[in-house]
Amino acid sequence: MKDLNLNKRSIPPVTINRLCLYHRCLEKITEQKDSLFSPYISSSEISHLTGINPAQIRKDLAYFGEFGLRGIGYPARELQLELKKILGLDKVWSVIIVGAGNLGSALLGYEGFKRRGFLIKAIFDRDRSKIGRRIHNLRISSIDKMEEFIKEEHIDIGILVVPAESAQEVANIMVKSGIKAIINFAPLRLSLPPEIKVNNVDLSIEFEGLTYHLKMC
């Protein structure tokens, strides 16, 4: 297997997204209790489960080493564990949410984050009428306390669920406090240092993409 400290910039972002799909697929398979389950899985079988071309699967995995045996396939459990390590899912990541509206509350209540190693430690808001209220076993804190909290708790990831006019300011505080990765739900492209990883999630664009395809039906 290749050194996992390889230049991450050489890996296309779409490849990382597909690795997440492969990991989910293998995780489900290796959790099965069926005694007839084969310890090996082929790229064609992964393709059937994910909808991704077998040649693309082999190319994606080849960035990180030679996992399979010709004519036999990939050792499913070993590959799943290696992908878990590659994706950083073998540790617990500390997360905060900024924005205690409907979406922020819904994200806080999603149990899947914790199961996958993402521990939401706090939720912040600027609205004084919300501060002090408890949602999903966490008390909403004032955004004025966010910087200190990030530093003390060594927060890894920030989830930004605030209006566009507040997003850049809040993101700047996150970065200043030590956060290196942000999931941005605000309808605004953030201007941040290049070493900060930002994933933008614009639900309205997702809907518009769907309506284009519906119109063509």
N, C-alpha and C. Protein backbone atom coordinates (compact mmCIF):
# COMPACT_ATOMS: atom_id res chain seq x y z
N MET A 1 0.84 -1.21 0.00
CA MET A 1 0.00 0.00 0.00
C MET A 1 0.87 1.25 0.00
N LYS A 2 0.40 2.29 -0.69
CA LYS A 2 1.16 3.52 -0.76
C LYS A 2 1.14 4.26 0.57
N ASP A 3 2.10 5.20 0.72
CA ASP A 3 2.15 6.04 1.92
C ASP A 3 0.93 6.95 1.93
N LEU A 4 0.17 6.95 3.03
CA LEU A 4 -1.03 7.78 3.12
C LEU A 4 -0.70 9.25 3.22
N ASN A 5 0.57 9.61 3.37
CA ASN A 5 0.96 11.01 3.43
C ASN A 5 1.23 11.57 2.03
N LEU A 6 0.73 10.88 0.98
CA LEU A 6 0.93 11.36 -0.38
C LEU A 6 0.29 12.74 -0.55
N ASN A 7 0.72 13.43 -1.60
CA ASN A 7 0.25 14.79 -1.85
C ASN A 7 -1.26 14.78 -2.09
N LYS A 8 -2.02 15.29 -1.11
CA LYS A 8 -3.48 15.25 -1.21
C LYS A 8 -3.99 16.10 -2.37
N ARG A 9 -3.22 17.11 -2.77
CA ARG A 9 -3.66 17.97 -3.86
C ARG A 9 -3.69 17.21 -5.19
N SER A 10 -2.99 16.08 -5.27
CA SER A 10 -2.95 15.31 -6.50
C SER A 10 -4.17 14.44 -6.67
N ILE A 11 -4.99 14.32 -5.64
CA ILE A 11 -6.19 13.49 -5.68
C ILE A 11 -7.39 14.36 -6.04
N PRO A 12 -8.07 14.08 -7.15
CA PRO A 12 -9.25 14.89 -7.53
C PRO A 12 -10.32 14.83 -6.45
N PRO A 13 -10.97 15.95 -6.14
CA PRO A 13 -12.03 15.95 -5.13
C PRO A 13 -13.15 14.95 -5.42
N VAL A 14 -13.47 14.75 -6.72
CA VAL A 14 -14.54 13.80 -7.05
C VAL A 14 -14.14 12.38 -6.67
N THR A 15 -12.83 12.10 -6.69
CA THR A 15 -12.35 10.78 -6.28
C THR A 15 -12.62 10.57 -4.79
N ILE A 16 -12.36 11.60 -3.98
CA ILE A 16 -12.61 11.50 -2.54
C ILE A 16 -14.10 11.25 -2.28
N ASN A 17 -14.97 11.94 -3.05
CA ASN A 17 -16.41 11.73 -2.89
C ASN A 17 -16.79 10.28 -3.20
N ARG A 18 -16.15 9.73 -4.25
CA ARG A 18 -16.46 8.34 -4.60
C ARG A 18 -15.91 7.37 -3.55
N LEU A 19 -14.76 7.70 -2.95
CA LEU A 19 -14.22 6.85 -1.89
C LEU A 19 -15.21 6.72 -0.75
N CYS A 20 -15.91 7.81 -0.44
CA CYS A 20 -16.93 7.78 0.60
C CYS A 20 -18.02 6.78 0.26
N LEU A 21 -18.42 6.73 -1.02
CA LEU A 21 -19.44 5.77 -1.45
C LEU A 21 -18.93 4.35 -1.33
N TYR A 22 -17.67 4.12 -1.75
CA TYR A 22 -17.10 2.77 -1.65
C TYR A 22 -17.05 2.33 -0.19
N HIS A 23 -16.66 3.26 0.68
CA HIS A 23 -16.56 2.91 2.10
C HIS A 23 -17.93 2.54 2.67
N ARG A 24 -18.95 3.33 2.33
CA ARG A 24 -20.31 3.04 2.82
C ARG A 24 -20.76 1.66 2.33
N CYS A 25 -20.48 1.39 1.06
CA CYS A 25 -20.86 0.11 0.46
C CYS A 25 -20.17 -1.04 1.19
N LEU A 26 -18.87 -0.94 1.39
CA LEU A 26 -18.11 -2.01 2.04
C LEU A 26 -18.50 -2.15 3.51
N GLU A 27 -18.81 -1.04 4.14
CA GLU A 27 -19.21 -1.07 5.54
C GLU A 27 -20.49 -1.88 5.72
N LYS A 28 -21.45 -1.67 4.82
CA LYS A 28 -22.70 -2.42 4.88
C LYS A 28 -22.46 -3.90 4.65
N ILE A 29 -21.60 -4.20 3.68
CA ILE A 29 -21.33 -5.60 3.34
C ILE A 29 -20.63 -6.31 4.49
N THR A 30 -19.62 -5.69 5.06
CA THR A 30 -18.84 -6.36 6.10
C THR A 30 -19.60 -6.45 7.41
N GLU A 31 -20.69 -5.71 7.56
CA GLU A 31 -21.51 -5.81 8.76
C GLU A 31 -22.54 -6.94 8.67
N GLN A 32 -22.69 -7.50 7.48
CA GLN A 32 -23.65 -8.58 7.30
C GLN A 32 -23.19 -9.83 8.06
N LYS A 33 -24.13 -10.54 8.60
CA LYS A 33 -23.83 -11.74 9.39
C LYS A 33 -23.99 -13.03 8.58
N ASP A 34 -24.30 -12.89 7.30
CA ASP A 34 -24.53 -14.06 6.45
C ASP A 34 -23.27 -14.91 6.37
N SER A 35 -23.36 -16.17 6.75
CA SER A 35 -22.19 -17.04 6.74
C SER A 35 -21.69 -17.34 5.33
N LEU A 36 -22.55 -17.07 4.32
CA LEU A 36 -22.16 -17.32 2.94
C LEU A 36 -21.42 -16.13 2.33
N PHE A 37 -21.28 -15.05 3.09
CA PHE A 37 -20.62 -13.84 2.60
C PHE A 37 -19.16 -14.11 2.24
N SER A 38 -18.77 -13.80 1.01
CA SER A 38 -17.39 -14.00 0.57
C SER A 38 -16.50 -12.91 1.17
N PRO A 39 -15.28 -13.26 1.58
CA PRO A 39 -14.36 -12.24 2.12
C PRO A 39 -13.82 -11.31 1.04
N TYR A 40 -14.09 -11.62 -0.22
CA TYR A 40 -13.60 -10.80 -1.33
C TYR A 40 -14.76 -10.18 -2.10
N ILE A 41 -14.48 -9.03 -2.69
CA ILE A 41 -15.48 -8.34 -3.52
C ILE A 41 -14.80 -7.79 -4.75
N SER A 42 -15.43 -7.90 -5.90
CA SER A 42 -14.84 -7.42 -7.15
C SER A 42 -15.26 -5.99 -7.43
N SER A 43 -14.54 -5.34 -8.34
CA SER A 43 -14.92 -3.98 -8.74
C SER A 43 -16.28 -3.98 -9.42
N SER A 44 -16.64 -5.09 -10.10
CA SER A 44 -17.96 -5.19 -10.73
C SER A 44 -19.06 -5.23 -9.68
N GLU A 45 -18.81 -5.92 -8.58
CA GLU A 45 -19.80 -5.98 -7.50
C GLU A 45 -19.96 -4.61 -6.83
N ILE A 46 -18.83 -3.92 -6.62
CA ILE A 46 -18.91 -2.56 -6.06
C ILE A 46 -19.66 -1.65 -7.02
N SER A 47 -19.40 -1.84 -8.32
CA SER A 47 -20.09 -1.05 -9.35
C SER A 47 -21.59 -1.26 -9.29
N HIS A 48 -22.01 -2.50 -9.12
CA HIS A 48 -23.44 -2.82 -9.05
C HIS A 48 -24.10 -2.11 -7.87
N LEU A 49 -23.37 -1.98 -6.77
CA LEU A 49 -23.92 -1.39 -5.55
C LEU A 49 -23.87 0.13 -5.56
N THR A 50 -22.91 0.71 -6.28
CA THR A 50 -22.71 2.16 -6.26
C THR A 50 -23.11 2.86 -7.55
N GLY A 51 -23.21 2.12 -8.65
CA GLY A 51 -23.51 2.73 -9.94
C GLY A 51 -22.30 3.36 -10.60
N ILE A 52 -21.12 3.12 -10.08
CA ILE A 52 -19.89 3.69 -10.64
C ILE A 52 -19.18 2.64 -11.49
N ASN A 53 -18.65 3.06 -12.64
CA ASN A 53 -17.99 2.16 -13.57
C ASN A 53 -16.85 1.39 -12.91
N PRO A 54 -16.73 0.07 -13.15
CA PRO A 54 -15.66 -0.72 -12.52
C PRO A 54 -14.26 -0.18 -12.80
N ALA A 55 -14.03 0.30 -14.03
CA ALA A 55 -12.72 0.84 -14.37
C ALA A 55 -12.41 2.09 -13.54
N GLN A 56 -13.45 2.90 -13.29
CA GLN A 56 -13.26 4.11 -12.47
C GLN A 56 -12.97 3.72 -11.03
N ILE A 57 -13.63 2.69 -10.54
CA ILE A 57 -13.38 2.21 -9.17
C ILE A 57 -11.93 1.78 -9.02
N ARG A 58 -11.45 0.99 -9.98
CA ARG A 58 -10.06 0.51 -9.92
C ARG A 58 -9.08 1.68 -9.99
N LYS A 59 -9.39 2.68 -10.81
CA LYS A 59 -8.52 3.85 -10.95
C LYS A 59 -8.48 4.65 -9.64
N ASP A 60 -9.66 4.84 -9.03
CA ASP A 60 -9.73 5.59 -7.77
C ASP A 60 -8.91 4.91 -6.67
N LEU A 61 -9.07 3.60 -6.55
CA LEU A 61 -8.36 2.87 -5.50
C LEU A 61 -6.87 2.82 -5.76
N ALA A 62 -6.48 2.85 -7.04
CA ALA A 62 -5.05 2.77 -7.39
C ALA A 62 -4.26 3.99 -6.92
N TYR A 63 -4.94 5.11 -6.65
CA TYR A 63 -4.25 6.27 -6.10
C TYR A 63 -3.59 5.93 -4.76
N PHE A 64 -4.16 4.96 -4.05
CA PHE A 64 -3.74 4.69 -2.68
C PHE A 64 -3.06 3.34 -2.50
N GLY A 65 -2.91 2.58 -3.57
CA GLY A 65 -2.18 1.32 -3.45
C GLY A 65 -2.83 0.19 -4.21
N GLU A 66 -2.20 -0.97 -4.14
CA GLU A 66 -2.71 -2.17 -4.78
C GLU A 66 -3.42 -3.01 -3.73
N PHE A 67 -4.75 -2.95 -3.73
CA PHE A 67 -5.52 -3.63 -2.70
C PHE A 67 -6.00 -5.01 -3.13
N GLY A 68 -6.22 -5.22 -4.42
CA GLY A 68 -6.88 -6.43 -4.88
C GLY A 68 -5.93 -7.49 -5.42
N LEU A 69 -6.51 -8.65 -5.68
CA LEU A 69 -5.80 -9.77 -6.28
C LEU A 69 -6.48 -10.09 -7.60
N ARG A 70 -5.69 -10.13 -8.68
CA ARG A 70 -6.25 -10.37 -10.01
C ARG A 70 -7.02 -11.70 -10.03
N GLY A 71 -8.24 -11.63 -10.52
CA GLY A 71 -9.06 -12.82 -10.63
C GLY A 71 -9.80 -13.18 -9.35
N ILE A 72 -9.48 -12.51 -8.26
CA ILE A 72 -10.13 -12.81 -6.98
C ILE A 72 -10.95 -11.62 -6.48
N GLY A 73 -10.36 -10.44 -6.54
CA GLY A 73 -11.05 -9.24 -6.09
C GLY A 73 -10.34 -8.57 -4.92
N TYR A 74 -11.06 -7.73 -4.23
CA TYR A 74 -10.52 -6.99 -3.08
C TYR A 74 -10.93 -7.67 -1.78
N PRO A 75 -10.02 -7.77 -0.82
CA PRO A 75 -10.44 -8.25 0.51
C PRO A 75 -11.34 -7.20 1.15
N ALA A 76 -12.63 -7.49 1.26
CA ALA A 76 -13.63 -6.48 1.59
C ALA A 76 -13.37 -5.81 2.93
N ARG A 77 -13.14 -6.59 3.99
CA ARG A 77 -12.97 -6.00 5.31
C ARG A 77 -11.68 -5.16 5.37
N GLU A 78 -10.61 -5.69 4.78
CA GLU A 78 -9.35 -4.95 4.79
C GLU A 78 -9.47 -3.65 4.02
N LEU A 79 -10.13 -3.70 2.86
CA LEU A 79 -10.31 -2.49 2.06
C LEU A 79 -11.18 -1.47 2.79
N GLN A 80 -12.23 -1.96 3.45
CA GLN A 80 -13.09 -1.05 4.21
C GLN A 80 -12.32 -0.33 5.31
N LEU A 81 -11.46 -1.06 6.00
CA LEU A 81 -10.66 -0.45 7.08
C LEU A 81 -9.64 0.53 6.52
N GLU A 82 -9.05 0.20 5.37
CA GLU A 82 -8.08 1.11 4.76
C GLU A 82 -8.76 2.39 4.29
N LEU A 83 -9.95 2.27 3.70
CA LEU A 83 -10.67 3.46 3.26
C LEU A 83 -11.09 4.31 4.46
N LYS A 84 -11.46 3.64 5.54
CA LYS A 84 -11.81 4.37 6.76
C LYS A 84 -10.63 5.20 7.24
N LYS A 85 -9.44 4.63 7.16
CA LYS A 85 -8.23 5.35 7.57
C LYS A 85 -7.91 6.48 6.61
N ILE A 86 -8.02 6.21 5.30
CA ILE A 86 -7.75 7.23 4.29
C ILE A 86 -8.67 8.43 4.46
N LEU A 87 -9.94 8.16 4.75
CA LEU A 87 -10.95 9.23 4.88
C LEU A 87 -10.93 9.90 6.24
N GLY A 88 -10.09 9.41 7.15
CA GLY A 88 -10.00 10.02 8.48
C GLY A 88 -11.16 9.65 9.39
N LEU A 89 -11.83 8.54 9.08
CA LEU A 89 -12.99 8.13 9.87
C LEU A 89 -12.61 7.20 11.02
N ASP A 90 -11.31 7.04 11.22
CA ASP A 90 -10.85 6.17 12.31
C ASP A 90 -10.58 6.97 13.58
N LYS A 91 -11.03 8.22 13.62
CA LYS A 91 -10.90 9.04 14.82
C LYS A 91 -12.19 9.84 15.02
N VAL A 92 -12.31 10.48 16.18
CA VAL A 92 -13.48 11.31 16.47
C VAL A 92 -13.13 12.76 16.15
N TRP A 93 -14.03 13.44 15.44
CA TRP A 93 -13.84 14.84 15.06
C TRP A 93 -14.82 15.71 15.84
N SER A 94 -14.31 16.81 16.39
CA SER A 94 -15.12 17.74 17.16
C SER A 94 -15.74 18.80 16.25
N VAL A 95 -17.03 19.04 16.43
CA VAL A 95 -17.79 19.89 15.52
C VAL A 95 -18.60 20.91 16.31
N ILE A 96 -18.79 22.10 15.74
CA ILE A 96 -19.77 23.06 16.28
C ILE A 96 -20.70 23.48 15.15
N ILE A 97 -21.89 23.91 15.55
CA ILE A 97 -22.85 24.48 14.61
C ILE A 97 -23.07 25.93 15.00
N VAL A 98 -23.09 26.82 14.01
CA VAL A 98 -23.42 28.22 14.26
C VAL A 98 -24.69 28.53 13.49
N GLY A 99 -25.75 28.83 14.23
CA GLY A 99 -27.06 29.07 13.64
C GLY A 99 -28.06 28.08 14.18
N ALA A 100 -28.89 28.51 15.11
CA ALA A 100 -29.83 27.61 15.78
C ALA A 100 -31.24 27.73 15.23
N GLY A 101 -31.33 27.95 13.92
CA GLY A 101 -32.64 27.98 13.28
C GLY A 101 -33.12 26.57 13.00
N ASN A 102 -34.09 26.44 12.09
CA ASN A 102 -34.67 25.13 11.79
C ASN A 102 -33.62 24.15 11.25
N LEU A 103 -32.79 24.61 10.31
CA LEU A 103 -31.80 23.72 9.72
C LEU A 103 -30.72 23.35 10.72
N GLY A 104 -30.24 24.34 11.48
CA GLY A 104 -29.22 24.07 12.49
C GLY A 104 -29.72 23.08 13.52
N SER A 105 -30.97 23.23 13.95
CA SER A 105 -31.56 22.32 14.92
C SER A 105 -31.69 20.92 14.36
N ALA A 106 -32.09 20.83 13.08
CA ALA A 106 -32.23 19.53 12.44
C ALA A 106 -30.89 18.81 12.33
N LEU A 107 -29.84 19.56 11.98
CA LEU A 107 -28.50 18.97 11.89
C LEU A 107 -28.04 18.47 13.25
N LEU A 108 -28.32 19.24 14.28
CA LEU A 108 -27.93 18.87 15.64
C LEU A 108 -28.62 17.57 16.06
N GLY A 109 -29.85 17.36 15.59
CA GLY A 109 -30.61 16.19 15.98
C GLY A 109 -30.31 14.94 15.18
N TYR A 110 -29.46 15.05 14.16
CA TYR A 110 -29.17 13.88 13.32
C TYR A 110 -28.19 12.95 14.01
N GLU A 111 -28.65 11.74 14.36
CA GLU A 111 -27.84 10.79 15.11
C GLU A 111 -26.70 10.19 14.28
N GLY A 112 -26.84 10.24 12.96
CA GLY A 112 -25.83 9.63 12.10
C GLY A 112 -24.46 10.25 12.23
N PHE A 113 -24.39 11.54 12.58
CA PHE A 113 -23.08 12.18 12.73
C PHE A 113 -22.25 11.49 13.81
N LYS A 114 -22.85 11.28 14.95
CA LYS A 114 -22.13 10.68 16.07
C LYS A 114 -21.67 9.27 15.74
N ARG A 115 -22.54 8.51 15.06
CA ARG A 115 -22.19 7.13 14.70
C ARG A 115 -20.99 7.08 13.77
N ARG A 116 -20.78 8.13 13.01
CA ARG A 116 -19.68 8.14 12.05
C ARG A 116 -18.47 8.92 12.55
N GLY A 117 -18.48 9.29 13.83
CA GLY A 117 -17.30 9.89 14.42
C GLY A 117 -17.28 11.40 14.45
N PHE A 118 -18.44 12.04 14.18
CA PHE A 118 -18.52 13.50 14.21
C PHE A 118 -19.32 13.92 15.45
N LEU A 119 -18.62 14.46 16.44
CA LEU A 119 -19.23 14.80 17.72
C LEU A 119 -19.54 16.29 17.77
N ILE A 120 -20.82 16.63 17.73
CA ILE A 120 -21.22 18.04 17.81
C ILE A 120 -21.19 18.46 19.27
N LYS A 121 -20.28 19.39 19.58
CA LYS A 121 -20.04 19.77 20.97
C LYS A 121 -20.79 21.01 21.41
N ALA A 122 -21.22 21.83 20.45
CA ALA A 122 -21.91 23.06 20.84
C ALA A 122 -22.67 23.64 19.66
N ILE A 123 -23.68 24.46 19.97
CA ILE A 123 -24.41 25.21 18.95
C ILE A 123 -24.50 26.65 19.42
N PHE A 124 -24.23 27.58 18.51
CA PHE A 124 -24.17 29.00 18.85
C PHE A 124 -25.18 29.79 18.01
N ASP A 125 -25.59 30.92 18.58
CA ASP A 125 -26.49 31.80 17.84
C ASP A 125 -26.32 33.23 18.38
N ARG A 126 -26.77 34.18 17.55
CA ARG A 126 -26.67 35.59 17.94
C ARG A 126 -27.98 36.10 18.52
N ASP A 127 -29.06 35.38 18.28
CA ASP A 127 -30.40 35.79 18.71
C ASP A 127 -30.53 35.59 20.22
N ARG A 128 -30.70 36.68 20.96
CA ARG A 128 -30.78 36.61 22.42
C ARG A 128 -31.99 35.81 22.90
N SER A 129 -33.04 35.76 22.10
CA SER A 129 -34.23 35.01 22.51
C SER A 129 -34.00 33.50 22.46
N LYS A 130 -32.95 33.07 21.77
CA LYS A 130 -32.64 31.64 21.66
C LYS A 130 -31.56 31.21 22.65
N ILE A 131 -30.70 32.13 23.02
CA ILE A 131 -29.56 31.79 23.89
C ILE A 131 -30.06 31.27 25.24
N GLY A 132 -29.52 30.14 25.65
CA GLY A 132 -29.91 29.52 26.90
C GLY A 132 -30.94 28.42 26.74
N ARG A 133 -31.67 28.42 25.60
CA ARG A 133 -32.61 27.34 25.36
C ARG A 133 -31.86 26.05 25.07
N ARG A 134 -32.47 24.93 25.38
CA ARG A 134 -31.85 23.63 25.16
C ARG A 134 -32.53 22.91 24.00
N ILE A 135 -31.75 22.45 23.04
CA ILE A 135 -32.28 21.64 21.94
C ILE A 135 -31.39 20.41 21.78
N HIS A 136 -32.03 19.25 21.71
CA HIS A 136 -31.30 17.99 21.55
C HIS A 136 -30.16 17.86 22.55
N ASN A 137 -30.45 18.18 23.81
CA ASN A 137 -29.51 18.01 24.93
C ASN A 137 -28.31 18.96 24.89
N LEU A 138 -28.34 19.98 24.05
CA LEU A 138 -27.29 21.00 24.07
C LEU A 138 -27.94 22.36 24.29
N ARG A 139 -27.31 23.18 25.11
CA ARG A 139 -27.82 24.51 25.36
C ARG A 139 -27.24 25.48 24.32
N ILE A 140 -28.09 26.30 23.75
CA ILE A 140 -27.63 27.28 22.75
C ILE A 140 -26.79 28.35 23.45
N SER A 141 -25.59 28.55 22.94
CA SER A 141 -24.66 29.52 23.53
C SER A 141 -24.56 30.78 22.67
N SER A 142 -24.18 31.87 23.30
CA SER A 142 -23.98 33.13 22.58
C SER A 142 -22.77 33.01 21.66
N ILE A 143 -22.91 33.58 20.49
CA ILE A 143 -21.81 33.55 19.53
C ILE A 143 -20.58 34.28 20.07
N ASP A 144 -20.79 35.15 21.06
CA ASP A 144 -19.67 35.86 21.67
C ASP A 144 -18.71 34.91 22.38
N LYS A 145 -19.19 33.73 22.73
CA LYS A 145 -18.36 32.75 23.45
C LYS A 145 -17.72 31.72 22.50
N MET A 146 -17.99 31.86 21.21
CA MET A 146 -17.56 30.84 20.25
C MET A 146 -16.04 30.74 20.13
N GLU A 147 -15.36 31.87 20.02
CA GLU A 147 -13.91 31.86 19.82
C GLU A 147 -13.20 31.13 20.96
N GLU A 148 -13.55 31.47 22.17
CA GLU A 148 -12.93 30.83 23.34
C GLU A 148 -13.21 29.33 23.36
N PHE A 149 -14.46 28.97 23.02
CA PHE A 149 -14.86 27.56 23.05
C PHE A 149 -14.07 26.76 22.01
N ILE A 150 -13.92 27.29 20.82
CA ILE A 150 -13.18 26.60 19.76
C ILE A 150 -11.75 26.31 20.20
N LYS A 151 -11.12 27.29 20.82
CA LYS A 151 -9.74 27.12 21.25
C LYS A 151 -9.62 26.11 22.39
N GLU A 152 -10.53 26.20 23.35
CA GLU A 152 -10.46 25.32 24.51
C GLU A 152 -10.78 23.87 24.16
N GLU A 153 -11.73 23.67 23.25
CA GLU A 153 -12.19 22.32 22.91
C GLU A 153 -11.50 21.76 21.67
N HIS A 154 -10.61 22.54 21.05
CA HIS A 154 -9.87 22.09 19.86
C HIS A 154 -10.84 21.59 18.78
N ILE A 155 -11.76 22.45 18.41
CA ILE A 155 -12.79 22.09 17.43
C ILE A 155 -12.15 21.95 16.04
N ASP A 156 -12.54 20.87 15.35
CA ASP A 156 -11.98 20.58 14.03
C ASP A 156 -12.81 21.17 12.89
N ILE A 157 -14.15 21.08 13.03
CA ILE A 157 -15.04 21.41 11.92
C ILE A 157 -16.13 22.36 12.40
N GLY A 158 -16.42 23.38 11.58
CA GLY A 158 -17.52 24.29 11.87
C GLY A 158 -18.61 24.14 10.82
N ILE A 159 -19.86 24.08 11.26
CA ILE A 159 -21.00 24.05 10.34
C ILE A 159 -21.68 25.42 10.41
N LEU A 160 -21.74 26.07 9.27
CA LEU A 160 -22.20 27.45 9.20
C LEU A 160 -23.62 27.47 8.64
N VAL A 161 -24.60 27.82 9.49
CA VAL A 161 -26.00 27.86 9.07
C VAL A 161 -26.56 29.22 9.47
N VAL A 162 -26.01 30.28 8.88
CA VAL A 162 -26.38 31.65 9.21
C VAL A 162 -26.75 32.39 7.93
N PRO A 163 -27.43 33.55 8.04
CA PRO A 163 -27.74 34.35 6.85
C PRO A 163 -26.47 34.78 6.12
N ALA A 164 -26.60 35.06 4.83
CA ALA A 164 -25.45 35.42 4.00
C ALA A 164 -24.69 36.62 4.56
N GLU A 165 -25.42 37.59 5.11
CA GLU A 165 -24.76 38.81 5.58
C GLU A 165 -23.88 38.57 6.81
N SER A 166 -24.07 37.44 7.50
CA SER A 166 -23.26 37.14 8.68
C SER A 166 -22.19 36.09 8.41
N ALA A 167 -22.28 35.40 7.29
CA ALA A 167 -21.46 34.22 7.06
C ALA A 167 -19.96 34.50 7.06
N GLN A 168 -19.53 35.54 6.35
CA GLN A 168 -18.09 35.82 6.26
C GLN A 168 -17.51 36.17 7.62
N GLU A 169 -18.23 36.98 8.37
CA GLU A 169 -17.75 37.38 9.70
C GLU A 169 -17.59 36.17 10.62
N VAL A 170 -18.60 35.31 10.63
CA VAL A 170 -18.54 34.12 11.49
C VAL A 170 -17.44 33.18 11.03
N ALA A 171 -17.30 33.00 9.72
CA ALA A 171 -16.24 32.13 9.20
C ALA A 171 -14.87 32.66 9.58
N ASN A 172 -14.70 33.98 9.55
CA ASN A 172 -13.41 34.57 9.93
C ASN A 172 -13.07 34.25 11.39
N ILE A 173 -14.08 34.31 12.26
CA ILE A 173 -13.85 33.98 13.67
C ILE A 173 -13.47 32.51 13.82
N MET A 174 -14.15 31.65 13.08
CA MET A 174 -13.82 30.22 13.11
C MET A 174 -12.37 29.98 12.75
N VAL A 175 -11.95 30.57 11.65
CA VAL A 175 -10.58 30.37 11.16
C VAL A 175 -9.56 30.96 12.14
N LYS A 176 -9.84 32.15 12.64
CA LYS A 176 -8.96 32.80 13.60
C LYS A 176 -8.79 31.95 14.86
N SER A 177 -9.84 31.21 15.21
CA SER A 177 -9.82 30.41 16.44
C SER A 177 -9.17 29.04 16.25
N GLY A 178 -8.93 28.66 15.00
CA GLY A 178 -8.22 27.40 14.76
C GLY A 178 -8.95 26.35 13.96
N ILE A 179 -10.18 26.61 13.55
CA ILE A 179 -10.91 25.65 12.72
C ILE A 179 -10.30 25.60 11.33
N LYS A 180 -10.14 24.37 10.80
CA LYS A 180 -9.50 24.17 9.50
C LYS A 180 -10.47 23.71 8.42
N ALA A 181 -11.72 23.39 8.80
CA ALA A 181 -12.69 22.90 7.82
C ALA A 181 -14.07 23.44 8.16
N ILE A 182 -14.80 23.88 7.12
CA ILE A 182 -16.11 24.50 7.31
C ILE A 182 -17.09 23.92 6.31
N ILE A 183 -18.29 23.56 6.80
CA ILE A 183 -19.40 23.23 5.92
C ILE A 183 -20.31 24.45 5.90
N ASN A 184 -20.44 25.06 4.73
CA ASN A 184 -21.13 26.34 4.62
C ASN A 184 -22.49 26.18 3.94
N PHE A 185 -23.55 26.37 4.72
CA PHE A 185 -24.91 26.34 4.18
C PHE A 185 -25.39 27.73 3.78
N ALA A 186 -24.64 28.75 4.08
CA ALA A 186 -25.06 30.11 3.73
C ALA A 186 -24.91 30.32 2.22
N PRO A 187 -25.83 31.06 1.59
CA PRO A 187 -25.76 31.30 0.14
C PRO A 187 -24.73 32.37 -0.20
N LEU A 188 -23.47 32.09 0.15
CA LEU A 188 -22.39 33.05 -0.05
C LEU A 188 -21.07 32.29 -0.18
N ARG A 189 -20.27 32.65 -1.16
CA ARG A 189 -18.94 32.06 -1.31
C ARG A 189 -17.99 32.78 -0.37
N LEU A 190 -17.41 32.04 0.54
CA LEU A 190 -16.54 32.62 1.55
C LEU A 190 -15.15 32.91 0.99
N SER A 191 -14.55 33.97 1.48
CA SER A 191 -13.18 34.33 1.11
C SER A 191 -12.28 34.01 2.30
N LEU A 192 -11.56 32.88 2.21
CA LEU A 192 -10.75 32.39 3.32
C LEU A 192 -9.38 31.93 2.81
N PRO A 193 -8.41 31.78 3.70
CA PRO A 193 -7.08 31.31 3.28
C PRO A 193 -7.18 29.97 2.55
N PRO A 194 -6.29 29.72 1.59
CA PRO A 194 -6.38 28.51 0.76
C PRO A 194 -6.24 27.21 1.54
N GLU A 195 -5.60 27.26 2.70
CA GLU A 195 -5.43 26.03 3.48
C GLU A 195 -6.70 25.62 4.21
N ILE A 196 -7.70 26.49 4.25
CA ILE A 196 -8.98 26.17 4.91
C ILE A 196 -9.88 25.44 3.91
N LYS A 197 -10.33 24.27 4.29
CA LYS A 197 -11.21 23.48 3.43
C LYS A 197 -12.65 23.89 3.66
N VAL A 198 -13.33 24.28 2.59
CA VAL A 198 -14.73 24.70 2.69
C VAL A 198 -15.59 23.87 1.74
N ASN A 199 -16.63 23.26 2.27
CA ASN A 199 -17.64 22.60 1.45
C ASN A 199 -18.90 23.45 1.46
N ASN A 200 -19.29 23.93 0.29
CA ASN A 200 -20.48 24.75 0.17
C ASN A 200 -21.69 23.89 -0.17
N VAL A 201 -22.76 24.05 0.61
CA VAL A 201 -23.99 23.30 0.38
C VAL A 201 -25.10 24.31 0.12
N ASP A 202 -25.51 24.44 -1.13
CA ASP A 202 -26.57 25.38 -1.50
C ASP A 202 -27.78 24.56 -1.95
N LEU A 203 -28.76 24.42 -1.08
CA LEU A 203 -29.91 23.58 -1.37
C LEU A 203 -30.75 24.13 -2.52
N SER A 204 -30.78 25.45 -2.68
CA SER A 204 -31.57 26.02 -3.77
C SER A 204 -31.00 25.61 -5.12
N ILE A 205 -29.67 25.55 -5.23
CA ILE A 205 -29.04 25.11 -6.48
C ILE A 205 -29.37 23.65 -6.76
N GLU A 206 -29.41 22.83 -5.70
CA GLU A 206 -29.76 21.42 -5.88
C GLU A 206 -31.18 21.30 -6.42
N PHE A 207 -32.11 22.10 -5.90
CA PHE A 207 -33.48 22.08 -6.39
C PHE A 207 -33.54 22.53 -7.85
N GLU A 208 -32.79 23.59 -8.18
CA GLU A 208 -32.81 24.12 -9.53
C GLU A 208 -32.26 23.10 -10.52
N GLY A 209 -31.25 22.34 -10.10
CA GLY A 209 -30.73 21.28 -10.96
C GLY A 209 -31.77 20.21 -11.23
N LEU A 210 -32.58 19.91 -10.21
CA LEU A 210 -33.64 18.92 -10.38
C LEU A 210 -34.73 19.42 -11.32
N THR A 211 -35.11 20.70 -11.19
CA THR A 211 -36.19 21.22 -12.02
C THR A 211 -35.78 21.27 -13.48
N TYR A 212 -34.49 21.48 -13.74
CA TYR A 212 -34.01 21.44 -15.13
C TYR A 212 -34.29 20.07 -15.73
N HIS A 213 -33.92 19.02 -14.98
CA HIS A 213 -34.12 17.66 -15.49
C HIS A 213 -35.60 17.31 -15.59
N LEU A 214 -36.41 17.80 -14.64
CA LEU A 214 -37.85 17.55 -14.70
C LEU A 214 -38.48 18.19 -15.94
N LYS A 215 -37.99 19.40 -16.26
CA LYS A 215 -38.51 20.11 -17.42
C LYS A 215 -38.21 19.35 -18.71
N MET A 216 -37.08 18.63 -18.71
CA MET A 216 -36.66 17.92 -19.92
C MET A 216 -37.39 16.58 -20.08
N CYS A 217 -38.13 16.15 -19.05
CA CYS A 217 -38.82 14.85 -19.12
C CYS A 217 -40.03 14.93 -20.07
